[in-house]
Amino acid sequence: VRKFGSFKAAILVDVDPQKMTEIMSSLDFGDGSILSLVLPDNAELFYSEYVPEEQGFVASQQCYQDAVASEENEGADYVKVNGKSYLFIYSKISNGSGLCAFIPESNIVAVANNIRLITIVLVVLSTIVSVVMGIGLSASIVKPIDQISGGLKRVAEGDFTVDIQADRQ
C-alpha cells in the first residue's frame, strides 16, 4: 500500500507470492548464495537454497544497515559474514524494502577461473590456427619462387630449353 501525501488516495498492489518465488528462485548465484527480500519491518523472505537459521540474518548485518543508510539505491561490496567472504549486492525498492544477495567469493573466483581457462584455450587455438595458416601461406609463396629460381638457374647454366611453370601469376 502506498499513500499519496495529503490526497485521499492510495494504491494497493497484491503480489502473488508464488509468482514472486518463481521469479526470485530463477536467479542462481551458485552454491551457498543467499538471496533475500527484506521488507520495511525487517521481515526477511529468502529465495535461495541456503536459508540462514538465525532470524533477521540480513537486517542484522552491518553491510545491510550501511546500504539502508546510504543515499545510493543500489550497490555492491565485499564483506565478511561469519568468517566467510561474500560479495554483497543490494537494491533498494521504493516501498522501503531491499533486495539483497550474498554471493560467496569462492563462486566468483570459480567463474573467473573458468573464464580464464576458456580465454587461454581460445588464445592457444587461435595461435595454432595462425601458425598453420602462416605456414600454408608461406609455402604457397615459396613454392612458385623456388620453381622460377630453379628455372633461371638452369638458364644461367646454358639450358635455354627450360619451360618455367608457376601456378601463380
C-alpha atoms as a PDB file:
ATOM      1  CA  VAL A   1       0.000   0.000   0.000  1.00  0.00           C
ATOM      2  CA  ARG A   2       1.218   3.435  -0.833  1.00  0.00           C
ATOM      3  CA  LYS A   3      -0.440   6.682   0.264  1.00  0.00           C
ATOM      4  CA  PHE A   4      -0.115   9.902  -1.684  1.00  0.00           C
ATOM      5  CA  GLY A   5       0.572  12.683   0.786  1.00  0.00           C
ATOM      6  CA  SER A   6      -2.480  14.795   1.546  1.00  0.00           C
ATOM      7  CA  PHE A   7      -4.605  13.243  -1.201  1.00  0.00           C
ATOM      8  CA  LYS A   8      -7.333  10.872  -0.192  1.00  0.00           C
ATOM      9  CA  ALA A   9      -5.979   8.120  -2.396  1.00  0.00           C
ATOM     10  CA  ALA A  10      -3.845   5.041  -2.110  1.00  0.00           C
ATOM     11  CA  ILE A  11      -2.603   2.263  -4.334  1.00  0.00           C
ATOM     12  CA  LEU A  12      -2.846  -1.299  -3.171  1.00  0.00           C
ATOM     13  CA  VAL A  13      -0.808  -3.916  -5.020  1.00  0.00           C
ATOM     14  CA  ASP A  14      -1.353  -7.575  -4.268  1.00  0.00           C
ATOM     15  CA  VAL A  15       1.654  -9.625  -5.389  1.00  0.00           C
ATOM     16  CA  ASP A  16       1.190 -13.342  -5.861  1.00  0.00           C
ATOM     17  CA  PRO A  17       3.774 -14.906  -3.505  1.00  0.00           C
ATOM     18  CA  GLN A  18       4.019 -17.997  -5.743  1.00  0.00           C
ATOM     19  CA  LYS A  19       4.904 -15.864  -8.783  1.00  0.00           C
ATOM     20  CA  MET A  20       7.412 -13.889  -6.717  1.00  0.00           C
ATOM     21  CA  THR A  21       9.018 -17.134  -5.549  1.00  0.00           C
ATOM     22  CA  GLU A  22       9.209 -18.409  -9.151  1.00  0.00           C
ATOM     23  CA  ILE A  23      10.908 -15.235 -10.368  1.00  0.00           C
ATOM     24  CA  MET A  24      13.335 -14.967  -7.470  1.00  0.00           C
ATOM     25  CA  SER A  25      14.193 -18.674  -7.440  1.00  0.00           C
ATOM     26  CA  SER A  26      15.217 -18.465 -11.085  1.00  0.00           C
ATOM     27  CA  LEU A  27      18.153 -16.269 -10.024  1.00  0.00           C
ATOM     28  CA  ASP A  28      21.088 -18.594  -9.431  1.00  0.00           C
ATOM     29  CA  PHE A  29      24.195 -17.161  -7.797  1.00  0.00           C
ATOM     30  CA  GLY A  30      25.722 -20.557  -7.071  1.00  0.00           C
ATOM     31  CA  ASP A  31      26.070 -22.795  -4.054  1.00  0.00           C
ATOM     32  CA  GLY A  32      25.983 -21.108  -0.671  1.00  0.00           C
ATOM     33  CA  SER A  33      24.484 -17.887  -2.014  1.00  0.00           C
ATOM     34  CA  ILE A  34      21.794 -16.112  -0.059  1.00  0.00           C
ATOM     35  CA  LEU A  35      19.054 -14.161  -1.838  1.00  0.00           C
ATOM     36  CA  SER A  36      16.622 -12.260   0.345  1.00  0.00           C
ATOM     37  CA  LEU A  37      13.923  -9.643   0.156  1.00  0.00           C
ATOM     38  CA  VAL A  38      13.977  -7.561   3.329  1.00  0.00           C
ATOM     39  CA  LEU A  39      10.668  -5.854   3.972  1.00  0.00           C
ATOM     40  CA  PRO A  40      10.320  -2.426   5.656  1.00  0.00           C
ATOM     41  CA  ASP A  41       9.597  -4.109   9.014  1.00  0.00           C
ATOM     42  CA  ASN A  42      12.871  -6.122   8.603  1.00  0.00           C
ATOM     43  CA  ALA A  43      10.973  -9.348   7.907  1.00  0.00           C
ATOM     44  CA  GLU A  44      13.062 -11.439   5.524  1.00  0.00           C
ATOM     45  CA  LEU A  45      11.884 -13.616   2.660  1.00  0.00           C
ATOM     46  CA  PHE A  46      14.562 -15.978   1.357  1.00  0.00           C
ATOM     47  CA  TYR A  47      14.683 -17.245  -2.225  1.00  0.00           C
ATOM     48  CA  SER A  48      17.814 -19.370  -2.195  1.00  0.00           C
ATOM     49  CA  GLU A  49      18.607 -22.974  -1.360  1.00  0.00           C
ATOM     50  CA  TYR A  50      20.582 -21.870   1.683  1.00  0.00           C
ATOM     51  CA  VAL A  51      18.434 -20.121   4.292  1.00  0.00           C
ATOM     52  CA  PRO A  52      20.207 -18.887   7.442  1.00  0.00           C
ATOM     53  CA  GLU A  53      18.781 -20.299  10.658  1.00  0.00           C
ATOM     54  CA  GLU A  54      19.029 -17.070  12.630  1.00  0.00           C
ATOM     55  CA  GLN A  55      16.133 -14.623  12.485  1.00  0.00           C
ATOM     56  CA  GLY A  56      16.968 -11.228  10.995  1.00  0.00           C
ATOM     57  CA  PHE A  57      20.147 -12.530   9.368  1.00  0.00           C
ATOM     58  CA  VAL A  58      20.328  -9.914   6.593  1.00  0.00           C
ATOM     59  CA  ALA A  59      18.893  -6.997   8.594  1.00  0.00           C
ATOM     60  CA  SER A  60      21.437  -7.589  11.376  1.00  0.00           C
ATOM     61  CA  GLN A  61      24.445  -7.333   9.030  1.00  0.00           C
ATOM     62  CA  GLN A  62      26.377  -4.071   9.146  1.00  0.00           C
ATOM     63  CA  CYS A  63      26.639  -4.037   5.335  1.00  0.00           C
ATOM     64  CA  TYR A  64      22.825  -4.085   5.057  1.00  0.00           C
ATOM     65  CA  GLN A  65      22.454  -1.323   7.636  1.00  0.00           C
ATOM     66  CA  ASP A  66      25.032   0.760   5.761  1.00  0.00           C
ATOM     67  CA  ALA A  67      23.159   0.134   2.496  1.00  0.00           C
ATOM     68  CA  VAL A  68      19.861   1.256   4.018  1.00  0.00           C
ATOM     69  CA  ALA A  69      21.503   4.386   5.448  1.00  0.00           C
ATOM     70  CA  SER A  70      23.240   5.311   2.193  1.00  0.00           C
ATOM     71  CA  GLU A  71      21.714   7.522  -0.458  1.00  0.00           C
ATOM     72  CA  GLU A  72      22.605   5.019  -3.180  1.00  0.00           C
ATOM     73  CA  ASN A  73      19.718   2.906  -4.471  1.00  0.00           C
ATOM     74  CA  GLU A  74      21.960   0.000  -5.341  1.00  0.00           C
ATOM     75  CA  GLY A  75      25.487  -1.157  -4.811  1.00  0.00           C
ATOM     76  CA  ALA A  76      27.902  -3.964  -4.132  1.00  0.00           C
ATOM     77  CA  ASP A  77      30.833  -4.599  -1.821  1.00  0.00           C
ATOM     78  CA  TYR A  78      32.877  -7.486  -0.481  1.00  0.00           C
ATOM     79  CA  VAL A  79      32.029  -8.266   3.149  1.00  0.00           C
ATOM     80  CA  LYS A  80      32.868 -10.897   5.754  1.00  0.00           C
ATOM     81  CA  VAL A  81      29.980 -12.754   7.354  1.00  0.00           C
ATOM     82  CA  ASN A  82      30.685 -15.417   9.958  1.00  0.00           C
ATOM     83  CA  GLY A  83      34.318 -15.532   8.802  1.00  0.00           C
ATOM     84  CA  LYS A  84      33.421 -16.126   5.144  1.00  0.00           C
ATOM     85  CA  SER A  85      33.932 -13.594   2.343  1.00  0.00           C
ATOM     86  CA  TYR A  86      30.880 -12.650   0.246  1.00  0.00           C
ATOM     87  CA  LEU A  87      30.021 -10.191  -2.469  1.00  0.00           C
ATOM     88  CA  PHE A  88      27.072  -8.275  -1.014  1.00  0.00           C
ATOM     89  CA  ILE A  89      24.736  -6.835  -3.647  1.00  0.00           C
ATOM     90  CA  TYR A  90      21.724  -4.735  -2.755  1.00  0.00           C
ATOM     91  CA  SER A  91      18.992  -2.808  -4.481  1.00  0.00           C
ATOM     92  CA  LYS A  92      16.505  -0.606  -2.667  1.00  0.00           C
ATOM     93  CA  ILE A  93      12.850  -0.799  -3.596  1.00  0.00           C
ATOM     94  CA  SER A  94      10.722   2.363  -3.341  1.00  0.00           C
ATOM     95  CA  ASN A  95       8.440   0.922  -0.661  1.00  0.00           C
ATOM     96  CA  GLY A  96      11.330   0.642   1.800  1.00  0.00           C
ATOM     97  CA  SER A  97      12.138  -2.965   1.003  1.00  0.00           C
ATOM     98  CA  GLY A  98      15.525  -4.139  -0.169  1.00  0.00           C
ATOM     99  CA  LEU A  99      16.608  -6.990  -2.399  1.00  0.00           C
ATOM    100  CA  CYS A 100      19.912  -8.424  -1.165  1.00  0.00           C
ATOM    101  CA  ALA A 101      22.253 -11.152  -2.289  1.00  0.00           C
ATOM    102  CA  PHE A 102      25.296 -12.594  -0.553  1.00  0.00           C
ATOM    103  CA  ILE A 103      27.416 -14.445  -3.120  1.00  0.00           C
ATOM    104  CA  PRO A 104      30.383 -16.430  -1.797  1.00  0.00           C
ATOM    105  CA  GLU A 105      33.655 -15.050  -3.116  1.00  0.00           C
ATOM    106  CA  SER A 106      34.638 -18.627  -3.996  1.00  0.00           C
ATOM    107  CA  ASN A 107      31.766 -18.729  -6.539  1.00  0.00           C
ATOM    108  CA  ILE A 108      33.033 -15.566  -8.195  1.00  0.00           C
ATOM    109  CA  VAL A 109      36.618 -16.844  -8.219  1.00  0.00           C
ATOM    110  CA  ALA A 110      35.452 -20.150  -9.750  1.00  0.00           C
ATOM    111  CA  VAL A 111      33.628 -18.321 -12.545  1.00  0.00           C
ATOM    112  CA  ALA A 112      36.654 -16.078 -13.130  1.00  0.00           C
ATOM    113  CA  ASN A 113      38.903 -19.164 -13.296  1.00  0.00           C
ATOM    114  CA  ASN A 114      36.569 -20.740 -15.872  1.00  0.00           C
ATOM    115  CA  ILE A 115      36.673 -17.570 -17.950  1.00  0.00           C
ATOM    116  CA  ARG A 116      40.473 -17.522 -17.663  1.00  0.00           C
ATOM    117  CA  LEU A 117      40.700 -21.162 -18.778  1.00  0.00           C
ATOM    118  CA  ILE A 118      38.405 -20.551 -21.747  1.00  0.00           C
ATOM    119  CA  THR A 119      40.446 -17.477 -22.701  1.00  0.00           C
ATOM    120  CA  ILE A 120      43.721 -19.427 -22.530  1.00  0.00           C
ATOM    121  CA  VAL A 121      42.287 -22.254 -24.651  1.00  0.00           C
ATOM    122  CA  LEU A 122      40.989 -19.783 -27.250  1.00  0.00           C
ATOM    123  CA  VAL A 123      44.334 -17.950 -27.386  1.00  0.00           C
ATOM    124  CA  VAL A 124      46.239 -21.237 -27.825  1.00  0.00           C
ATOM    125  CA  LEU A 125      43.816 -22.445 -30.523  1.00  0.00           C
ATOM    126  CA  SER A 126      43.964 -19.141 -32.387  1.00  0.00           C
ATOM    127  CA  THR A 127      47.769 -19.187 -32.184  1.00  0.00           C
ATOM    128  CA  ILE A 128      47.868 -22.709 -33.627  1.00  0.00           C
ATOM    129  CA  VAL A 129      45.442 -21.740 -36.413  1.00  0.00           C
ATOM    130  CA  SER A 130      47.528 -18.622 -37.167  1.00  0.00           C
ATOM    131  CA  VAL A 131      50.776 -20.622 -37.335  1.00  0.00           C
ATOM    132  CA  VAL A 132      49.217 -23.261 -39.615  1.00  0.00           C
ATOM    133  CA  MET A 133      47.773 -20.565 -41.865  1.00  0.00           C
ATOM    134  CA  GLY A 134      51.127 -18.738 -41.903  1.00  0.00           C
ATOM    135  CA  ILE A 135      52.982 -21.909 -42.863  1.00  0.00           C
ATOM    136  CA  GLY A 136      50.445 -22.646 -45.604  1.00  0.00           C
ATOM    137  CA  LEU A 137      50.626 -19.094 -46.935  1.00  0.00           C
ATOM    138  CA  SER A 138      54.422 -19.016 -46.922  1.00  0.00           C
ATOM    139  CA  ALA A 139      54.547 -22.411 -48.657  1.00  0.00           C
ATOM    140  CA  SER A 140      52.191 -21.156 -51.355  1.00  0.00           C
ATOM    141  CA  ILE A 141      54.509 -18.178 -51.907  1.00  0.00           C
ATOM    142  CA  VAL A 142      57.849 -20.024 -51.632  1.00  0.00           C
ATOM    143  CA  LYS A 143      56.985 -22.924 -53.987  1.00  0.00           C
ATOM    144  CA  PRO A 144      56.486 -20.769 -57.144  1.00  0.00           C
ATOM    145  CA  ILE A 145      59.552 -18.663 -56.273  1.00  0.00           C
ATOM    146  CA  ASP A 146      61.643 -21.880 -55.946  1.00  0.00           C
ATOM    147  CA  GLN A 147      60.301 -23.081 -59.330  1.00  0.00           C
ATOM    148  CA  ILE A 148      61.214 -19.785 -61.005  1.00  0.00           C
ATOM    149  CA  SER A 149      64.602 -19.681 -59.271  1.00  0.00           C
ATOM    150  CA  GLY A 150      65.389 -23.266 -60.348  1.00  0.00           C
ATOM    151  CA  GLY A 151      64.404 -22.490 -63.935  1.00  0.00           C
ATOM    152  CA  LEU A 152      66.516 -19.333 -64.006  1.00  0.00           C
ATOM    153  CA  LYS A 153      69.455 -21.273 -62.575  1.00  0.00           C
ATOM    154  CA  ARG A 154      69.218 -23.791 -65.428  1.00  0.00           C
ATOM    155  CA  VAL A 155      69.057 -20.886 -67.904  1.00  0.00           C
ATOM    156  CA  ALA A 156      72.171 -19.405 -66.275  1.00  0.00           C
ATOM    157  CA  GLU A 157      73.925 -22.763 -66.810  1.00  0.00           C
ATOM    158  CA  GLY A 158      73.116 -22.554 -70.516  1.00  0.00           C
ATOM    159  CA  ASP A 159      69.920 -24.616 -70.835  1.00  0.00           C
ATOM    160  CA  PHE A 160      67.667 -22.392 -72.903  1.00  0.00           C
ATOM    161  CA  THR A 161      65.005 -25.073 -73.346  1.00  0.00           C
ATOM    162  CA  VAL A 162      63.668 -24.510 -69.849  1.00  0.00           C
ATOM    163  CA  ASP A 163      59.920 -24.038 -69.564  1.00  0.00           C
ATOM    164  CA  ILE A 164      59.134 -22.360 -66.244  1.00  0.00           C
ATOM    165  CA  GLN A 165      55.667 -23.301 -64.983  1.00  0.00           C
ATOM    166  CA  ALA A 166      54.379 -21.492 -61.908  1.00  0.00           C
ATOM    167  CA  ASP A 167      50.864 -21.849 -60.551  1.00  0.00           C
ATOM    168  CA  ARG A 168      50.814 -18.164 -59.607  1.00  0.00           C
ATOM    169  CA  GLN A 169      50.587 -15.041 -61.719  1.00  0.00           C
END
